[in-house]
Amino acid sequence: MSVFIQLDERLASFATGQHARLTRDRDGSTLQPRANNSGFEERRIDWKRDEFNVAILIQPHFEGMTIDTSRWHFIAVAWVHVVGRGKHVAELRLVSGRPFPEIEACVDELLAAALTLLNGLQRHDLRPLGFE
């Protein structure tokens, strides 16, 4: 049974409100090659805001060659492609490495906070991919 069983309806409603696309789970082939990786549970909401691509991700922790489902992340991300300069990104981790029930308990607040952060981003907030 999916860990997202209690969240899917709320995530779908949020996505509809943003005219966004909700995707469920990810095929293991979309990651760097990993041993015995047949995919993993994840939820991702993607949409456009002005020139930005924005997304909210709820995903497990990746450690070495394994996916650690005891630790989860709630991430808001925005990016643009700058001609001749590549991708510029802003990643905001609202929850990092916590048990899934902690995200589940406050998902509505996390979605609202992520939306506020993403809507407030300006181009100067984004950094070249790989910038430390």
N, C-alpha and C. Protein backbone atom coordinates (compact mmCIF):
# COMPACT_ATOMS: atom_id res chain seq x y z
N MET A 1 0.85 -1.18 0.00
CA MET A 1 0.00 0.00 0.00
C MET A 1 0.89 1.24 0.00
N SER A 2 0.48 2.25 -0.73
CA SER A 2 1.24 3.49 -0.85
C SER A 2 1.26 4.28 0.45
N VAL A 3 2.40 4.88 0.77
CA VAL A 3 2.47 5.76 1.93
C VAL A 3 1.67 7.04 1.69
N PHE A 4 1.35 7.32 0.43
CA PHE A 4 0.64 8.55 0.07
C PHE A 4 -0.88 8.41 0.10
N ILE A 5 -1.39 7.27 0.54
CA ILE A 5 -2.83 7.00 0.49
C ILE A 5 -3.65 8.11 1.14
N GLN A 6 -3.17 8.68 2.23
CA GLN A 6 -3.91 9.75 2.92
C GLN A 6 -3.65 11.13 2.33
N LEU A 7 -2.66 11.26 1.46
CA LEU A 7 -2.29 12.57 0.92
C LEU A 7 -2.72 12.81 -0.52
N ASP A 8 -2.90 11.75 -1.28
CA ASP A 8 -3.11 11.93 -2.72
C ASP A 8 -4.25 12.87 -3.08
N GLU A 9 -5.35 12.78 -2.38
CA GLU A 9 -6.49 13.64 -2.70
C GLU A 9 -6.15 15.12 -2.44
N ARG A 10 -5.48 15.39 -1.34
CA ARG A 10 -5.10 16.78 -1.03
C ARG A 10 -4.06 17.30 -2.01
N LEU A 11 -3.11 16.45 -2.40
CA LEU A 11 -2.11 16.86 -3.38
C LEU A 11 -2.75 17.13 -4.73
N ALA A 12 -3.70 16.29 -5.13
CA ALA A 12 -4.40 16.49 -6.40
C ALA A 12 -5.19 17.79 -6.38
N SER A 13 -5.84 18.08 -5.28
CA SER A 13 -6.61 19.32 -5.16
C SER A 13 -5.69 20.54 -5.24
N PHE A 14 -4.57 20.49 -4.56
CA PHE A 14 -3.60 21.58 -4.62
C PHE A 14 -3.10 21.76 -6.05
N ALA A 15 -2.76 20.67 -6.71
CA ALA A 15 -2.27 20.74 -8.10
C ALA A 15 -3.31 21.37 -9.01
N THR A 16 -4.56 20.98 -8.86
CA THR A 16 -5.63 21.56 -9.67
C THR A 16 -5.71 23.06 -9.45
N GLY A 17 -5.59 23.49 -8.22
CA GLY A 17 -5.65 24.91 -7.90
C GLY A 17 -4.52 25.73 -8.51
N GLN A 18 -3.40 25.08 -8.80
CA GLN A 18 -2.25 25.76 -9.41
C GLN A 18 -2.18 25.53 -10.91
N HIS A 19 -3.18 24.85 -11.46
CA HIS A 19 -3.14 24.44 -12.88
C HIS A 19 -1.84 23.69 -13.15
N ALA A 20 -1.55 22.77 -12.24
CA ALA A 20 -0.29 22.04 -12.25
C ALA A 20 -0.53 20.57 -12.57
N ARG A 21 0.57 19.88 -12.78
CA ARG A 21 0.54 18.45 -13.07
C ARG A 21 1.11 17.70 -11.87
N LEU A 22 0.33 16.76 -11.36
CA LEU A 22 0.78 15.90 -10.27
C LEU A 22 1.26 14.59 -10.87
N THR A 23 2.49 14.22 -10.56
CA THR A 23 2.99 12.92 -11.00
C THR A 23 3.25 12.06 -9.77
N ARG A 24 3.03 10.76 -9.97
CA ARG A 24 3.16 9.81 -8.87
C ARG A 24 4.28 8.83 -9.19
N ASP A 25 5.17 8.66 -8.22
CA ASP A 25 6.23 7.67 -8.29
C ASP A 25 7.21 7.97 -9.43
N ARG A 26 8.33 7.36 -9.36
CA ARG A 26 9.34 7.56 -10.38
C ARG A 26 9.96 6.22 -10.72
N ASP A 27 10.16 6.02 -11.98
CA ASP A 27 10.83 4.83 -12.47
C ASP A 27 12.30 4.91 -12.07
N GLY A 28 12.84 3.84 -11.63
CA GLY A 28 14.24 3.82 -11.23
C GLY A 28 15.19 4.20 -12.34
N SER A 29 14.77 4.07 -13.59
CA SER A 29 15.66 4.40 -14.70
C SER A 29 15.89 5.89 -14.84
N THR A 30 15.11 6.73 -14.16
CA THR A 30 15.31 8.17 -14.25
C THR A 30 16.43 8.64 -13.33
N LEU A 31 16.92 7.77 -12.48
CA LEU A 31 18.03 8.10 -11.59
C LEU A 31 19.34 7.69 -12.24
N GLN A 32 20.43 8.10 -11.63
CA GLN A 32 21.71 7.54 -12.03
C GLN A 32 21.61 6.04 -11.82
N PRO A 33 22.35 5.26 -12.57
CA PRO A 33 22.25 3.80 -12.39
C PRO A 33 22.44 3.41 -10.93
N ARG A 34 21.51 2.64 -10.43
CA ARG A 34 21.57 2.18 -9.04
C ARG A 34 21.30 0.67 -9.04
N ALA A 35 21.98 0.00 -8.18
CA ALA A 35 21.79 -1.44 -8.07
C ALA A 35 20.39 -1.76 -7.57
N ASN A 36 19.76 -2.72 -8.17
CA ASN A 36 18.45 -3.20 -7.72
C ASN A 36 17.43 -2.09 -7.54
N ASN A 37 17.43 -1.11 -8.42
CA ASN A 37 16.50 0.01 -8.28
C ASN A 37 15.33 -0.18 -9.23
N SER A 38 14.19 -0.50 -8.69
CA SER A 38 13.00 -0.68 -9.52
C SER A 38 12.06 0.51 -9.41
N GLY A 39 12.54 1.62 -8.89
CA GLY A 39 11.71 2.80 -8.75
C GLY A 39 11.42 3.08 -7.29
N PHE A 40 10.65 4.13 -7.05
CA PHE A 40 10.34 4.50 -5.68
C PHE A 40 9.11 5.38 -5.66
N GLU A 41 8.51 5.47 -4.49
CA GLU A 41 7.35 6.34 -4.32
C GLU A 41 7.81 7.78 -4.18
N GLU A 42 7.10 8.65 -4.85
CA GLU A 42 7.39 10.08 -4.82
C GLU A 42 6.14 10.79 -5.31
N ARG A 43 5.96 12.03 -4.89
CA ARG A 43 4.93 12.87 -5.47
C ARG A 43 5.61 14.16 -5.89
N ARG A 44 5.19 14.64 -7.06
CA ARG A 44 5.79 15.85 -7.63
C ARG A 44 4.68 16.65 -8.29
N ILE A 45 4.65 17.95 -7.98
CA ILE A 45 3.67 18.86 -8.56
C ILE A 45 4.46 19.91 -9.34
N ASP A 46 4.24 19.98 -10.66
CA ASP A 46 4.97 20.91 -11.54
C ASP A 46 4.03 21.89 -12.20
N TRP A 47 4.47 23.15 -12.30
CA TRP A 47 3.73 24.15 -13.06
C TRP A 47 4.66 25.27 -13.48
N LYS A 48 4.15 26.20 -14.26
CA LYS A 48 4.91 27.37 -14.71
C LYS A 48 4.40 28.59 -13.95
N ARG A 49 5.33 29.46 -13.58
CA ARG A 49 4.99 30.76 -13.01
C ARG A 49 5.85 31.78 -13.73
N ASP A 50 5.21 32.58 -14.55
CA ASP A 50 5.93 33.54 -15.37
C ASP A 50 7.02 32.80 -16.15
N GLU A 51 8.27 33.22 -16.02
CA GLU A 51 9.36 32.57 -16.75
C GLU A 51 9.90 31.33 -16.03
N PHE A 52 9.44 31.10 -14.82
CA PHE A 52 9.97 30.02 -13.99
C PHE A 52 9.22 28.70 -14.20
N ASN A 53 9.98 27.61 -14.14
CA ASN A 53 9.41 26.29 -13.92
C ASN A 53 9.48 26.09 -12.41
N VAL A 54 8.41 25.64 -11.80
CA VAL A 54 8.40 25.43 -10.36
C VAL A 54 7.85 24.04 -10.04
N ALA A 55 8.27 23.51 -8.91
CA ALA A 55 7.81 22.18 -8.51
C ALA A 55 7.88 22.03 -7.00
N ILE A 56 7.04 21.17 -6.51
CA ILE A 56 7.08 20.72 -5.12
C ILE A 56 7.27 19.22 -5.16
N LEU A 57 8.24 18.73 -4.42
CA LEU A 57 8.54 17.30 -4.40
C LEU A 57 8.45 16.76 -2.98
N ILE A 58 7.87 15.58 -2.87
CA ILE A 58 7.91 14.81 -1.63
C ILE A 58 8.60 13.51 -2.01
N GLN A 59 9.80 13.32 -1.49
CA GLN A 59 10.58 12.16 -1.93
C GLN A 59 11.41 11.60 -0.79
N PRO A 60 11.74 10.30 -0.90
CA PRO A 60 12.59 9.68 0.11
C PRO A 60 14.03 10.16 -0.03
N HIS A 61 14.82 9.80 0.94
CA HIS A 61 16.24 10.16 0.97
C HIS A 61 17.03 9.17 0.10
N PHE A 62 17.94 9.70 -0.69
CA PHE A 62 18.84 8.86 -1.49
C PHE A 62 20.19 8.82 -0.79
N GLU A 63 20.67 7.62 -0.55
CA GLU A 63 21.95 7.47 0.13
C GLU A 63 22.75 6.39 -0.57
N GLY A 64 23.85 6.81 -1.18
CA GLY A 64 24.67 5.86 -1.91
C GLY A 64 23.85 5.17 -2.99
N MET A 65 23.82 3.88 -2.95
CA MET A 65 23.11 3.10 -3.95
C MET A 65 21.70 2.71 -3.50
N THR A 66 21.23 3.29 -2.41
CA THR A 66 19.92 2.88 -1.89
C THR A 66 18.99 4.07 -1.71
N ILE A 67 17.73 3.74 -1.60
CA ILE A 67 16.68 4.72 -1.31
C ILE A 67 16.22 4.44 0.11
N ASP A 68 16.36 5.43 0.97
CA ASP A 68 16.04 5.28 2.39
C ASP A 68 14.64 5.84 2.65
N THR A 69 13.66 4.97 2.75
CA THR A 69 12.28 5.41 2.96
C THR A 69 11.95 5.69 4.42
N SER A 70 12.95 5.63 5.29
CA SER A 70 12.70 6.04 6.68
C SER A 70 12.89 7.55 6.84
N ARG A 71 13.48 8.19 5.83
CA ARG A 71 13.71 9.64 5.85
C ARG A 71 13.15 10.25 4.57
N TRP A 72 12.40 11.34 4.73
CA TRP A 72 11.72 11.98 3.60
C TRP A 72 12.04 13.46 3.54
N HIS A 73 11.89 14.03 2.34
CA HIS A 73 12.14 15.44 2.10
C HIS A 73 10.91 16.08 1.45
N PHE A 74 10.65 17.32 1.82
CA PHE A 74 9.61 18.13 1.18
C PHE A 74 10.35 19.34 0.61
N ILE A 75 10.39 19.43 -0.71
CA ILE A 75 11.26 20.39 -1.39
C ILE A 75 10.45 21.25 -2.35
N ALA A 76 10.71 22.54 -2.32
CA ALA A 76 10.18 23.47 -3.32
C ALA A 76 11.36 23.88 -4.20
N VAL A 77 11.17 23.84 -5.50
CA VAL A 77 12.27 24.15 -6.41
C VAL A 77 11.76 24.99 -7.57
N ALA A 78 12.60 25.89 -8.03
CA ALA A 78 12.31 26.71 -9.21
C ALA A 78 13.54 26.71 -10.09
N TRP A 79 13.33 26.80 -11.40
CA TRP A 79 14.46 26.85 -12.31
C TRP A 79 14.08 27.55 -13.60
N VAL A 80 15.10 28.09 -14.24
CA VAL A 80 14.98 28.67 -15.58
C VAL A 80 16.20 28.22 -16.37
N HIS A 81 16.04 28.16 -17.68
CA HIS A 81 17.17 27.88 -18.56
C HIS A 81 17.64 29.22 -19.11
N VAL A 82 18.89 29.55 -18.85
CA VAL A 82 19.46 30.80 -19.31
C VAL A 82 20.31 30.49 -20.53
N VAL A 83 19.96 31.09 -21.67
CA VAL A 83 20.66 30.83 -22.92
C VAL A 83 22.16 31.07 -22.73
N GLY A 84 22.94 30.08 -23.09
CA GLY A 84 24.39 30.17 -22.99
C GLY A 84 24.95 29.99 -21.59
N ARG A 85 24.07 29.86 -20.60
CA ARG A 85 24.54 29.73 -19.21
C ARG A 85 23.97 28.51 -18.50
N GLY A 86 23.09 27.78 -19.13
CA GLY A 86 22.54 26.58 -18.51
C GLY A 86 21.39 26.86 -17.56
N LYS A 87 21.17 25.89 -16.71
CA LYS A 87 20.04 25.95 -15.78
C LYS A 87 20.42 26.71 -14.51
N HIS A 88 19.54 27.63 -14.09
CA HIS A 88 19.68 28.35 -12.83
C HIS A 88 18.55 27.87 -11.91
N VAL A 89 18.89 27.57 -10.66
CA VAL A 89 17.98 26.86 -9.76
C VAL A 89 17.94 27.51 -8.38
N ALA A 90 16.77 27.43 -7.76
CA ALA A 90 16.62 27.71 -6.33
C ALA A 90 15.92 26.50 -5.72
N GLU A 91 16.51 25.90 -4.71
CA GLU A 91 15.93 24.75 -4.03
C GLU A 91 15.74 25.11 -2.57
N LEU A 92 14.52 24.92 -2.10
CA LEU A 92 14.17 25.26 -0.73
C LEU A 92 13.64 24.00 -0.04
N ARG A 93 14.40 23.48 0.91
CA ARG A 93 13.98 22.28 1.63
C ARG A 93 13.19 22.69 2.86
N LEU A 94 11.89 22.44 2.82
CA LEU A 94 11.05 22.77 3.96
C LEU A 94 11.12 21.69 5.03
N VAL A 95 11.32 20.45 4.61
CA VAL A 95 11.52 19.32 5.52
C VAL A 95 12.66 18.50 4.94
N SER A 96 13.59 18.12 5.78
CA SER A 96 14.75 17.38 5.29
C SER A 96 15.04 16.18 6.19
N GLY A 97 14.91 14.98 5.62
CA GLY A 97 15.29 13.76 6.31
C GLY A 97 14.46 13.39 7.52
N ARG A 98 13.16 13.62 7.45
CA ARG A 98 12.28 13.33 8.58
C ARG A 98 11.37 12.14 8.24
N PRO A 99 10.80 11.48 9.25
CA PRO A 99 9.86 10.40 8.99
C PRO A 99 8.64 10.91 8.21
N PHE A 100 8.12 10.07 7.34
CA PHE A 100 7.00 10.45 6.49
C PHE A 100 5.80 10.97 7.28
N PRO A 101 5.43 10.36 8.42
CA PRO A 101 4.26 10.86 9.16
C PRO A 101 4.37 12.34 9.56
N GLU A 102 5.58 12.84 9.73
CA GLU A 102 5.74 14.27 10.05
C GLU A 102 5.31 15.15 8.88
N ILE A 103 5.63 14.73 7.67
CA ILE A 103 5.18 15.47 6.48
C ILE A 103 3.68 15.33 6.34
N GLU A 104 3.20 14.11 6.48
CA GLU A 104 1.77 13.84 6.35
C GLU A 104 0.94 14.69 7.31
N ALA A 105 1.43 14.87 8.53
CA ALA A 105 0.68 15.60 9.57
C ALA A 105 0.51 17.08 9.25
N CYS A 106 1.41 17.64 8.47
CA CYS A 106 1.33 19.09 8.21
C CYS A 106 1.44 19.42 6.73
N VAL A 107 0.99 18.52 5.86
CA VAL A 107 1.17 18.72 4.43
C VAL A 107 0.47 19.98 3.92
N ASP A 108 -0.70 20.32 4.45
CA ASP A 108 -1.40 21.51 3.98
C ASP A 108 -0.59 22.77 4.29
N GLU A 109 -0.01 22.83 5.47
CA GLU A 109 0.83 23.97 5.84
C GLU A 109 2.09 24.01 5.00
N LEU A 110 2.68 22.84 4.73
CA LEU A 110 3.88 22.78 3.90
C LEU A 110 3.58 23.23 2.47
N LEU A 111 2.46 22.80 1.92
CA LEU A 111 2.08 23.23 0.57
C LEU A 111 1.89 24.74 0.51
N ALA A 112 1.22 25.29 1.52
CA ALA A 112 1.01 26.74 1.55
C ALA A 112 2.33 27.49 1.67
N ALA A 113 3.23 27.00 2.52
CA ALA A 113 4.53 27.65 2.68
C ALA A 113 5.35 27.56 1.40
N ALA A 114 5.32 26.40 0.75
CA ALA A 114 6.05 26.24 -0.51
C ALA A 114 5.51 27.18 -1.58
N LEU A 115 4.20 27.29 -1.65
CA LEU A 115 3.58 28.18 -2.64
C LEU A 115 4.00 29.63 -2.39
N THR A 116 3.98 30.06 -1.14
CA THR A 116 4.41 31.42 -0.80
C THR A 116 5.86 31.65 -1.20
N LEU A 117 6.72 30.70 -0.88
CA LEU A 117 8.14 30.83 -1.23
C LEU A 117 8.34 30.87 -2.74
N LEU A 118 7.69 29.96 -3.45
CA LEU A 118 7.86 29.91 -4.91
C LEU A 118 7.30 31.15 -5.58
N ASN A 119 6.17 31.65 -5.09
CA ASN A 119 5.59 32.86 -5.68
C ASN A 119 6.42 34.10 -5.40
N GLY A 120 7.21 34.06 -4.34
CA GLY A 120 8.04 35.21 -3.98
C GLY A 120 9.41 35.24 -4.63
N LEU A 121 9.79 34.16 -5.29
CA LEU A 121 11.12 34.11 -5.89
C LEU A 121 11.26 35.10 -7.04
N GLN A 122 12.44 35.69 -7.12
CA GLN A 122 12.82 36.56 -8.23
C GLN A 122 14.00 35.90 -8.95
N ARG A 123 14.25 36.35 -10.15
CA ARG A 123 15.32 35.75 -10.93
C ARG A 123 16.67 35.78 -10.20
N HIS A 124 16.95 36.85 -9.47
CA HIS A 124 18.24 36.95 -8.77
C HIS A 124 18.37 35.94 -7.62
N ASP A 125 17.27 35.28 -7.24
CA ASP A 125 17.32 34.26 -6.19
C ASP A 125 17.85 32.92 -6.70
N LEU A 126 17.88 32.75 -8.01
CA LEU A 126 18.33 31.49 -8.60
C LEU A 126 19.83 31.53 -8.84
N ARG A 127 20.46 30.38 -8.71
CA ARG A 127 21.90 30.25 -8.90
C ARG A 127 22.19 29.21 -9.98
N PRO A 128 23.33 29.35 -10.65
CA PRO A 128 23.69 28.33 -11.65
C PRO A 128 23.70 26.95 -11.01
N LEU A 129 23.22 25.97 -11.73
CA LEU A 129 23.20 24.60 -11.24
C LEU A 129 24.62 24.19 -10.87
N GLY A 130 24.78 23.64 -9.67
CA GLY A 130 26.09 23.24 -9.19
C GLY A 130 26.78 24.32 -8.39
N PHE A 131 26.18 25.50 -8.30
CA PHE A 131 26.76 26.61 -7.54
C PHE A 131 26.63 26.32 -6.05
N GLU A 132 27.67 26.48 -5.33
CA GLU A 132 27.65 26.23 -3.88
C GLU A 132 27.52 27.53 -3.14
